[in-house]
N, C-alpha and C. Protein backbone atom coordinates (compact mmCIF):
# COMPACT_ATOMS: atom_id res chain seq x y z
N UNK A 1 -18.41 -34.48 6.42
CA UNK A 1 -19.41 -33.43 6.49
C UNK A 1 -18.74 -32.07 6.27
N UNK A 2 -19.28 -31.31 5.33
CA UNK A 2 -18.70 -29.99 5.06
C UNK A 2 -19.12 -29.00 6.13
N UNK A 3 -18.17 -28.18 6.53
CA UNK A 3 -18.44 -27.15 7.52
C UNK A 3 -19.19 -26.00 6.85
N UNK A 4 -20.16 -25.40 7.57
CA UNK A 4 -20.83 -24.25 6.95
C UNK A 4 -19.89 -23.07 6.97
N UNK A 5 -20.05 -22.20 5.97
CA UNK A 5 -19.13 -21.06 5.88
C UNK A 5 -19.24 -20.14 7.08
N UNK A 6 -18.12 -19.54 7.45
CA UNK A 6 -18.05 -18.58 8.54
C UNK A 6 -17.92 -17.18 7.94
N UNK A 7 -18.37 -16.18 8.68
CA UNK A 7 -18.24 -14.80 8.22
C UNK A 7 -16.77 -14.55 7.87
N UNK A 8 -16.54 -13.98 6.70
CA UNK A 8 -15.17 -13.68 6.27
C UNK A 8 -14.56 -14.75 5.38
N UNK A 9 -15.18 -15.94 5.31
CA UNK A 9 -14.66 -16.97 4.41
C UNK A 9 -14.73 -16.49 2.97
N UNK A 10 -13.83 -16.99 2.15
CA UNK A 10 -13.76 -16.59 0.75
C UNK A 10 -14.43 -17.63 -0.15
N UNK A 11 -14.71 -17.22 -1.36
CA UNK A 11 -15.24 -18.14 -2.38
C UNK A 11 -14.05 -18.95 -2.88
N UNK A 12 -14.06 -20.26 -2.65
CA UNK A 12 -12.88 -21.06 -2.98
C UNK A 12 -13.13 -22.10 -4.07
N UNK A 13 -14.34 -22.15 -4.63
CA UNK A 13 -14.61 -23.11 -5.70
C UNK A 13 -13.87 -22.65 -6.96
N UNK A 14 -12.83 -23.39 -7.30
CA UNK A 14 -11.96 -23.00 -8.41
C UNK A 14 -12.57 -23.32 -9.77
N UNK A 15 -13.63 -24.12 -9.79
CA UNK A 15 -14.16 -24.63 -11.06
C UNK A 15 -14.81 -23.56 -11.94
N UNK A 16 -15.23 -22.43 -11.36
CA UNK A 16 -15.89 -21.40 -12.17
C UNK A 16 -15.59 -20.02 -11.63
N UNK A 17 -15.40 -19.05 -12.55
CA UNK A 17 -15.26 -17.65 -12.13
C UNK A 17 -16.55 -17.22 -11.46
N UNK A 18 -16.46 -16.48 -10.36
CA UNK A 18 -17.69 -16.00 -9.72
C UNK A 18 -18.40 -14.99 -10.64
N UNK A 19 -19.72 -15.07 -10.70
CA UNK A 19 -20.49 -14.06 -11.43
C UNK A 19 -21.27 -13.25 -10.39
N UNK A 20 -22.03 -12.26 -10.86
CA UNK A 20 -22.75 -11.39 -9.93
C UNK A 20 -23.66 -12.15 -8.98
N UNK A 21 -24.37 -13.17 -9.48
CA UNK A 21 -25.30 -13.87 -8.59
C UNK A 21 -24.55 -14.69 -7.55
N UNK A 22 -23.41 -15.28 -7.93
CA UNK A 22 -22.59 -16.02 -6.96
C UNK A 22 -22.10 -15.07 -5.87
N UNK A 23 -21.60 -13.90 -6.30
CA UNK A 23 -21.08 -12.91 -5.34
C UNK A 23 -22.21 -12.44 -4.43
N UNK A 24 -23.39 -12.11 -5.00
CA UNK A 24 -24.52 -11.62 -4.21
C UNK A 24 -24.94 -12.67 -3.18
N UNK A 25 -25.05 -13.93 -3.60
CA UNK A 25 -25.45 -15.00 -2.68
C UNK A 25 -24.43 -15.16 -1.56
N UNK A 26 -23.15 -15.00 -1.87
CA UNK A 26 -22.08 -15.22 -0.90
C UNK A 26 -21.96 -14.07 0.11
N UNK A 27 -21.93 -12.85 -0.39
CA UNK A 27 -21.68 -11.71 0.50
C UNK A 27 -22.98 -11.15 1.11
N UNK A 28 -24.12 -11.47 0.49
CA UNK A 28 -25.40 -10.98 0.99
C UNK A 28 -25.84 -9.73 0.25
N UNK A 29 -27.16 -9.49 0.22
CA UNK A 29 -27.70 -8.37 -0.59
C UNK A 29 -27.22 -6.99 -0.15
N UNK A 30 -27.07 -6.76 1.16
CA UNK A 30 -26.60 -5.45 1.63
C UNK A 30 -25.18 -5.18 1.19
N UNK A 31 -24.30 -6.16 1.40
CA UNK A 31 -22.90 -6.01 0.99
C UNK A 31 -22.81 -5.90 -0.54
N UNK A 32 -23.69 -6.61 -1.24
CA UNK A 32 -23.64 -6.56 -2.70
C UNK A 32 -24.00 -5.17 -3.23
N UNK A 33 -24.89 -4.46 -2.51
CA UNK A 33 -25.21 -3.07 -2.92
C UNK A 33 -23.94 -2.23 -2.89
N UNK A 34 -23.15 -2.38 -1.81
CA UNK A 34 -21.89 -1.63 -1.71
C UNK A 34 -20.91 -2.06 -2.79
N UNK A 35 -20.84 -3.37 -3.08
CA UNK A 35 -19.99 -3.92 -4.14
C UNK A 35 -20.35 -3.25 -5.47
N UNK A 36 -21.64 -3.27 -5.81
CA UNK A 36 -22.10 -2.71 -7.09
C UNK A 36 -21.87 -1.20 -7.15
N UNK A 37 -22.14 -0.51 -6.03
CA UNK A 37 -21.95 0.96 -6.02
C UNK A 37 -20.48 1.33 -6.20
N UNK A 38 -19.58 0.57 -5.59
CA UNK A 38 -18.16 0.86 -5.74
C UNK A 38 -17.70 0.53 -7.17
N UNK A 39 -18.20 -0.56 -7.73
CA UNK A 39 -17.88 -0.87 -9.14
C UNK A 39 -18.36 0.26 -10.05
N UNK A 40 -19.59 0.71 -9.83
CA UNK A 40 -20.15 1.79 -10.66
C UNK A 40 -19.35 3.07 -10.50
N UNK A 41 -18.91 3.36 -9.28
CA UNK A 41 -18.10 4.56 -9.04
C UNK A 41 -16.80 4.48 -9.85
N UNK A 42 -16.13 3.33 -9.82
CA UNK A 42 -14.88 3.16 -10.57
C UNK A 42 -15.15 3.35 -12.07
N UNK A 43 -16.23 2.73 -12.58
CA UNK A 43 -16.55 2.87 -14.01
C UNK A 43 -16.88 4.31 -14.39
N UNK A 44 -17.55 5.02 -13.47
CA UNK A 44 -17.94 6.41 -13.75
C UNK A 44 -16.73 7.35 -13.73
N UNK A 45 -15.87 7.22 -12.72
CA UNK A 45 -14.76 8.16 -12.55
C UNK A 45 -13.50 7.76 -13.31
N UNK A 46 -13.41 6.50 -13.70
CA UNK A 46 -12.23 6.01 -14.45
C UNK A 46 -12.72 5.24 -15.68
N UNK A 47 -13.49 5.92 -16.55
CA UNK A 47 -14.09 5.20 -17.68
C UNK A 47 -13.02 4.59 -18.59
N UNK A 48 -13.16 3.30 -18.85
CA UNK A 48 -12.26 2.61 -19.77
C UNK A 48 -10.84 2.42 -19.26
N UNK A 49 -10.55 2.78 -18.00
CA UNK A 49 -9.18 2.68 -17.50
C UNK A 49 -8.85 1.26 -17.06
N UNK A 50 -9.79 0.62 -16.36
CA UNK A 50 -9.50 -0.69 -15.77
C UNK A 50 -10.37 -1.78 -16.38
N UNK A 51 -9.78 -2.94 -16.56
CA UNK A 51 -10.54 -4.14 -16.91
C UNK A 51 -10.44 -5.06 -15.70
N UNK A 52 -11.49 -5.11 -14.87
CA UNK A 52 -11.40 -5.93 -13.66
C UNK A 52 -11.12 -7.39 -14.02
N UNK A 53 -10.27 -8.01 -13.20
CA UNK A 53 -9.83 -9.38 -13.49
C UNK A 53 -9.98 -10.24 -12.24
N UNK A 54 -10.65 -11.39 -12.40
CA UNK A 54 -10.78 -12.33 -11.29
C UNK A 54 -9.47 -13.08 -11.12
N UNK A 55 -8.98 -13.16 -9.88
CA UNK A 55 -7.76 -13.90 -9.56
C UNK A 55 -8.09 -14.97 -8.54
N UNK A 56 -7.50 -16.14 -8.72
CA UNK A 56 -7.70 -17.21 -7.73
C UNK A 56 -6.44 -17.34 -6.90
N UNK A 57 -6.57 -17.15 -5.59
CA UNK A 57 -5.41 -17.14 -4.70
C UNK A 57 -5.21 -18.43 -3.92
N UNK A 58 -5.83 -19.51 -4.40
CA UNK A 58 -5.68 -20.79 -3.70
C UNK A 58 -6.81 -21.05 -2.73
N UNK A 59 -6.79 -22.24 -2.13
CA UNK A 59 -7.86 -22.69 -1.22
C UNK A 59 -8.08 -21.72 -0.05
N UNK A 60 -7.01 -21.11 0.43
CA UNK A 60 -7.12 -20.24 1.60
C UNK A 60 -7.66 -18.84 1.24
N UNK A 61 -7.13 -18.28 0.17
CA UNK A 61 -7.51 -16.90 -0.20
C UNK A 61 -8.71 -16.83 -1.13
N UNK A 62 -8.92 -17.87 -1.93
CA UNK A 62 -10.07 -17.88 -2.83
C UNK A 62 -10.01 -16.81 -3.91
N UNK A 63 -11.18 -16.42 -4.37
CA UNK A 63 -11.29 -15.47 -5.47
C UNK A 63 -11.26 -14.02 -4.99
N UNK A 64 -10.67 -13.16 -5.83
CA UNK A 64 -10.73 -11.72 -5.61
C UNK A 64 -10.83 -11.05 -6.98
N UNK A 65 -11.37 -9.85 -7.01
CA UNK A 65 -11.54 -9.11 -8.26
C UNK A 65 -10.59 -7.92 -8.23
N UNK A 66 -9.59 -7.94 -9.11
CA UNK A 66 -8.55 -6.91 -9.09
C UNK A 66 -8.77 -5.88 -10.19
N UNK A 67 -8.62 -4.62 -9.80
CA UNK A 67 -8.62 -3.50 -10.74
C UNK A 67 -7.17 -3.05 -10.87
N UNK A 68 -6.66 -3.10 -12.09
CA UNK A 68 -5.25 -2.78 -12.29
C UNK A 68 -5.06 -2.21 -13.69
N UNK A 69 -4.20 -1.23 -13.83
CA UNK A 69 -3.77 -0.76 -15.14
C UNK A 69 -2.33 -1.23 -15.26
N UNK A 70 -1.37 -0.41 -14.86
CA UNK A 70 0.02 -0.89 -14.79
C UNK A 70 0.32 -1.26 -13.34
N UNK A 71 -0.23 -0.45 -12.39
CA UNK A 71 -0.09 -0.77 -10.98
C UNK A 71 -1.48 -1.12 -10.46
N UNK A 72 -1.51 -1.93 -9.39
CA UNK A 72 -2.79 -2.30 -8.79
C UNK A 72 -3.50 -1.04 -8.30
N UNK A 73 -4.80 -0.97 -8.56
CA UNK A 73 -5.62 0.15 -8.11
C UNK A 73 -6.34 -0.26 -6.82
N UNK A 74 -7.07 -1.35 -6.89
CA UNK A 74 -7.70 -1.91 -5.70
C UNK A 74 -8.15 -3.33 -6.03
N UNK A 75 -8.48 -4.07 -4.98
CA UNK A 75 -8.94 -5.44 -5.14
C UNK A 75 -10.18 -5.62 -4.28
N UNK A 76 -11.23 -6.19 -4.88
CA UNK A 76 -12.46 -6.49 -4.16
C UNK A 76 -12.36 -7.89 -3.59
N UNK A 77 -12.68 -8.05 -2.33
CA UNK A 77 -12.69 -9.36 -1.69
C UNK A 77 -14.13 -9.74 -1.33
N UNK A 78 -14.72 -10.69 -2.08
CA UNK A 78 -16.05 -11.15 -1.69
C UNK A 78 -15.90 -12.18 -0.56
N UNK A 79 -16.30 -11.77 0.64
CA UNK A 79 -16.18 -12.63 1.81
C UNK A 79 -17.57 -13.02 2.28
N UNK A 80 -17.69 -14.18 2.92
CA UNK A 80 -19.01 -14.64 3.35
C UNK A 80 -19.66 -13.60 4.26
N UNK A 81 -20.82 -13.12 3.83
CA UNK A 81 -21.62 -12.13 4.57
C UNK A 81 -20.96 -10.76 4.71
N UNK A 82 -19.89 -10.51 3.93
CA UNK A 82 -19.31 -9.16 3.96
C UNK A 82 -18.47 -8.93 2.71
N UNK A 83 -18.10 -7.66 2.52
CA UNK A 83 -17.32 -7.23 1.36
C UNK A 83 -16.21 -6.31 1.86
N UNK A 84 -14.98 -6.60 1.42
CA UNK A 84 -13.85 -5.73 1.75
C UNK A 84 -13.14 -5.32 0.47
N UNK A 85 -12.48 -4.19 0.53
CA UNK A 85 -11.65 -3.74 -0.59
C UNK A 85 -10.24 -3.55 -0.06
N UNK A 86 -9.26 -3.98 -0.86
CA UNK A 86 -7.85 -3.81 -0.50
C UNK A 86 -7.28 -2.67 -1.35
N UNK A 87 -6.66 -1.71 -0.68
CA UNK A 87 -5.99 -0.60 -1.36
C UNK A 87 -4.55 -0.61 -0.87
N UNK A 88 -3.62 -0.70 -1.82
CA UNK A 88 -2.19 -0.70 -1.46
C UNK A 88 -1.67 0.73 -1.59
N UNK A 89 -1.08 1.22 -0.51
CA UNK A 89 -0.50 2.56 -0.54
C UNK A 89 1.01 2.45 -0.58
N UNK A 90 1.60 2.87 -1.69
CA UNK A 90 3.05 2.91 -1.84
C UNK A 90 3.61 4.12 -1.11
N UNK A 91 4.90 4.35 -1.26
CA UNK A 91 5.57 5.44 -0.55
C UNK A 91 4.93 6.81 -0.75
N UNK A 92 4.67 7.17 -2.01
CA UNK A 92 4.10 8.50 -2.30
C UNK A 92 2.70 8.62 -1.69
N UNK A 93 1.91 7.54 -1.82
CA UNK A 93 0.55 7.59 -1.28
C UNK A 93 0.56 7.65 0.25
N UNK A 94 1.55 6.99 0.86
CA UNK A 94 1.63 7.03 2.32
C UNK A 94 1.96 8.44 2.79
N UNK A 95 2.82 9.14 2.05
CA UNK A 95 3.11 10.54 2.40
C UNK A 95 1.84 11.38 2.31
N UNK A 96 1.07 11.17 1.22
CA UNK A 96 -0.19 11.91 1.06
C UNK A 96 -1.16 11.58 2.18
N UNK A 97 -1.22 10.29 2.55
CA UNK A 97 -2.11 9.89 3.64
C UNK A 97 -1.72 10.62 4.92
N UNK A 98 -0.42 10.63 5.22
CA UNK A 98 0.07 11.28 6.44
C UNK A 98 -0.25 12.78 6.45
N UNK A 99 -0.11 13.42 5.27
CA UNK A 99 -0.42 14.86 5.18
C UNK A 99 -1.88 15.14 5.54
N UNK A 100 -2.75 14.18 5.21
CA UNK A 100 -4.19 14.36 5.46
C UNK A 100 -4.65 13.56 6.67
N UNK A 101 -3.73 13.12 7.48
CA UNK A 101 -4.01 12.23 8.61
C UNK A 101 -5.21 12.66 9.45
N UNK A 102 -5.35 13.96 9.70
CA UNK A 102 -6.40 14.44 10.59
C UNK A 102 -7.71 14.73 9.86
N UNK A 103 -7.73 14.45 8.58
CA UNK A 103 -8.95 14.63 7.79
C UNK A 103 -9.70 13.30 7.69
N UNK A 104 -8.96 12.19 7.71
CA UNK A 104 -9.56 10.86 7.57
C UNK A 104 -10.39 10.51 8.80
N UNK A 105 -11.34 9.59 8.62
CA UNK A 105 -12.10 9.08 9.77
C UNK A 105 -11.16 8.26 10.67
N UNK A 106 -11.43 8.31 11.98
CA UNK A 106 -10.54 7.65 12.94
C UNK A 106 -10.41 6.14 12.67
N UNK A 107 -11.50 5.49 12.20
CA UNK A 107 -11.42 4.05 11.92
C UNK A 107 -10.39 3.77 10.82
N UNK A 108 -10.34 4.65 9.82
CA UNK A 108 -9.40 4.46 8.71
C UNK A 108 -7.97 4.70 9.16
N UNK A 109 -7.74 5.71 9.99
CA UNK A 109 -6.40 6.00 10.51
C UNK A 109 -5.91 4.82 11.35
N UNK A 110 -6.80 4.24 12.15
CA UNK A 110 -6.45 3.09 12.98
C UNK A 110 -6.07 1.90 12.08
N UNK A 111 -6.86 1.67 11.05
CA UNK A 111 -6.57 0.60 10.09
C UNK A 111 -5.20 0.82 9.43
N UNK A 112 -4.95 2.07 9.04
CA UNK A 112 -3.68 2.44 8.41
C UNK A 112 -2.52 2.19 9.37
N UNK A 113 -2.66 2.65 10.61
CA UNK A 113 -1.60 2.50 11.60
C UNK A 113 -1.31 1.03 11.91
N UNK A 114 -2.35 0.19 11.88
CA UNK A 114 -2.18 -1.23 12.21
C UNK A 114 -1.75 -2.09 11.02
N UNK A 115 -1.82 -1.52 9.81
CA UNK A 115 -1.44 -2.29 8.62
C UNK A 115 0.07 -2.49 8.59
N UNK A 116 0.49 -3.70 8.24
CA UNK A 116 1.93 -3.98 8.16
C UNK A 116 2.50 -3.31 6.92
N UNK A 117 3.73 -2.83 7.04
CA UNK A 117 4.42 -2.25 5.89
C UNK A 117 5.16 -3.37 5.16
N UNK A 118 5.00 -3.40 3.85
CA UNK A 118 5.71 -4.35 3.00
C UNK A 118 6.57 -3.54 2.03
N UNK A 119 7.52 -4.18 1.35
CA UNK A 119 8.35 -3.43 0.39
C UNK A 119 7.51 -2.68 -0.66
N UNK A 120 6.37 -3.27 -1.05
CA UNK A 120 5.56 -2.58 -2.06
C UNK A 120 4.46 -1.71 -1.46
N UNK A 121 4.47 -1.52 -0.15
CA UNK A 121 3.53 -0.59 0.46
C UNK A 121 2.76 -1.17 1.62
N UNK A 122 1.77 -0.40 2.06
CA UNK A 122 0.86 -0.84 3.12
C UNK A 122 -0.42 -1.33 2.46
N UNK A 123 -0.84 -2.52 2.86
CA UNK A 123 -2.07 -3.09 2.31
C UNK A 123 -3.20 -2.78 3.28
N UNK A 124 -4.12 -1.90 2.89
CA UNK A 124 -5.26 -1.58 3.73
C UNK A 124 -6.44 -2.41 3.27
N UNK A 125 -6.97 -3.25 4.15
CA UNK A 125 -8.17 -4.02 3.83
C UNK A 125 -9.32 -3.37 4.57
N UNK A 126 -10.18 -2.70 3.81
CA UNK A 126 -11.28 -1.93 4.39
C UNK A 126 -12.57 -2.72 4.23
N UNK A 127 -13.17 -3.12 5.35
CA UNK A 127 -14.48 -3.78 5.31
C UNK A 127 -15.51 -2.70 4.99
N UNK A 128 -16.34 -2.96 3.99
CA UNK A 128 -17.29 -1.95 3.54
C UNK A 128 -18.71 -2.39 3.90
N UNK A 129 -19.27 -1.71 4.90
CA UNK A 129 -20.63 -2.05 5.32
C UNK A 129 -21.53 -0.82 5.38
N UNK A 130 -21.01 0.33 4.92
CA UNK A 130 -21.80 1.56 4.96
C UNK A 130 -21.32 2.52 3.87
N UNK A 131 -22.13 3.56 3.67
CA UNK A 131 -21.74 4.60 2.71
C UNK A 131 -20.45 5.28 3.17
N UNK A 132 -20.27 5.43 4.49
CA UNK A 132 -19.04 6.05 5.02
C UNK A 132 -17.81 5.22 4.67
N UNK A 133 -17.93 3.89 4.83
CA UNK A 133 -16.80 3.02 4.47
C UNK A 133 -16.48 3.14 2.98
N UNK A 134 -17.54 3.16 2.18
CA UNK A 134 -17.36 3.28 0.73
C UNK A 134 -16.69 4.61 0.39
N UNK A 135 -17.11 5.66 1.08
CA UNK A 135 -16.53 6.98 0.87
C UNK A 135 -15.04 6.97 1.22
N UNK A 136 -14.67 6.32 2.33
CA UNK A 136 -13.25 6.20 2.70
C UNK A 136 -12.46 5.59 1.54
N UNK A 137 -13.00 4.51 0.97
CA UNK A 137 -12.29 3.82 -0.11
C UNK A 137 -12.21 4.71 -1.35
N UNK A 138 -13.28 5.40 -1.71
CA UNK A 138 -13.22 6.26 -2.90
C UNK A 138 -12.23 7.40 -2.68
N UNK A 139 -12.16 7.92 -1.45
CA UNK A 139 -11.18 8.97 -1.14
C UNK A 139 -9.74 8.44 -1.26
N UNK A 140 -9.51 7.23 -0.73
CA UNK A 140 -8.18 6.62 -0.85
C UNK A 140 -7.81 6.43 -2.33
N UNK A 141 -8.78 5.93 -3.11
CA UNK A 141 -8.50 5.66 -4.52
C UNK A 141 -8.25 6.94 -5.30
N UNK A 142 -9.01 7.99 -4.98
CA UNK A 142 -8.83 9.29 -5.64
C UNK A 142 -7.46 9.86 -5.29
N UNK A 143 -7.04 9.68 -4.03
CA UNK A 143 -5.72 10.15 -3.60
C UNK A 143 -4.63 9.35 -4.33
N UNK A 144 -4.84 8.05 -4.45
CA UNK A 144 -3.86 7.15 -5.08
C UNK A 144 -3.71 7.46 -6.56
N UNK A 145 -4.81 7.68 -7.24
CA UNK A 145 -4.80 7.93 -8.67
C UNK A 145 -5.95 8.88 -9.00
N UNK A 146 -5.64 10.17 -9.15
CA UNK A 146 -6.71 11.12 -9.46
C UNK A 146 -7.45 10.71 -10.74
N UNK A 147 -8.80 10.83 -10.74
CA UNK A 147 -9.54 10.45 -11.94
C UNK A 147 -9.11 11.31 -13.13
N UNK A 148 -9.18 10.72 -14.34
CA UNK A 148 -8.86 11.53 -15.53
C UNK A 148 -9.85 12.68 -15.64
N UNK A 149 -9.40 13.82 -16.14
CA UNK A 149 -10.33 14.96 -16.24
C UNK A 149 -11.39 14.62 -17.27
N UNK A 150 -12.58 15.10 -16.97
CA UNK A 150 -13.71 14.78 -17.86
C UNK A 150 -13.87 15.90 -18.87
N UNK A 151 -14.27 15.49 -20.08
CA UNK A 151 -14.59 16.50 -21.09
C UNK A 151 -13.41 16.92 -21.76
């Protein structure tokens, strides 16, 4: 008997790349609105910069959608009944984060402080369930890589 999915479980069916309807059904309509809004924000502010790529991380990690040019920009994690985005902050970005430490929302600073440091940076996994969470992620991404100037 298959166990029903638990909140936070990943899409692990390796047989097909997830499409929008698979993601919407898995994460739920509210989380999917945030997913779509963040995708649209990236396309609007970084036109033609990233080609999002689905990656399969095995039975445990499942599918994720990575935005990358030469360095990783962010990764979308479609989790059962929720949506998270992973932003990796390297050395330079961590300095910038620290300089603005008292400007960030307290939840984000706590997440940053609790994130483990790895040789390639701190991996911040931000659960996105509100416009405020989405704003935190767009601010982190803008700090990490300023959008190309328009016009």
